[in-house]
Structures are given as C-alpha cells and as structure tokens.
Amino acid sequence: MRRTVEDMFSFHCPHCNVDRLASTRDIISMHRNADGRLAYVRCPNGHTVVRQFHRPAPRYPAPVAPAAPTTTTPVVAACA
C-alpha cells in the first residue's frame, strides 16, 4: 500500500520529548469521544502516546445566491 502525506500526522512523545511524524500503521487503537477522535499511537522507541484529534468545526450551509433582478420597464407619469 502506498503511503501519502494525508495518511500521516504528528504527535509529541513526552517520554522522548520529541515531536514525531506517524502514519496510520503506527496507530494501536482509535476511539471516538465527545471531543472528537482519540488514538493510541506507538512512537519508534516503543512508547504508547495518546493523540487527541479535535472535532472539526461545524460546517455551515452553503450561501444562497441572491435572486436575479427582475427587469421591468419604468413607469413614466404623463405630463399634463
């Protein structure tokens, strides 16, 4: 299987005190909670680290385009 940048994420290992780059194969387990997703990740030195993936911001509905202007002929008052 070919790995891409989208398959990777960063995490901080407090045992090594180093920021690491991990791929999906480094995930031990993944869970959902009220704040988003939670992953148990193994660093290259064998430490297990908890990585919190925050819930994405709510998506708002797409803006509605304004209605097309109506073309009407102007009413001209008759001059007396």
Foldseek 3Di string as FASTA:
>chain_A
DDDDPVQKDWDADPVVRDIDIDGPVQWPDKDADPQGIWTFGADPVGDTDIDDDGDDDDDDDDDDDDDDDDDDDDDDDDDD
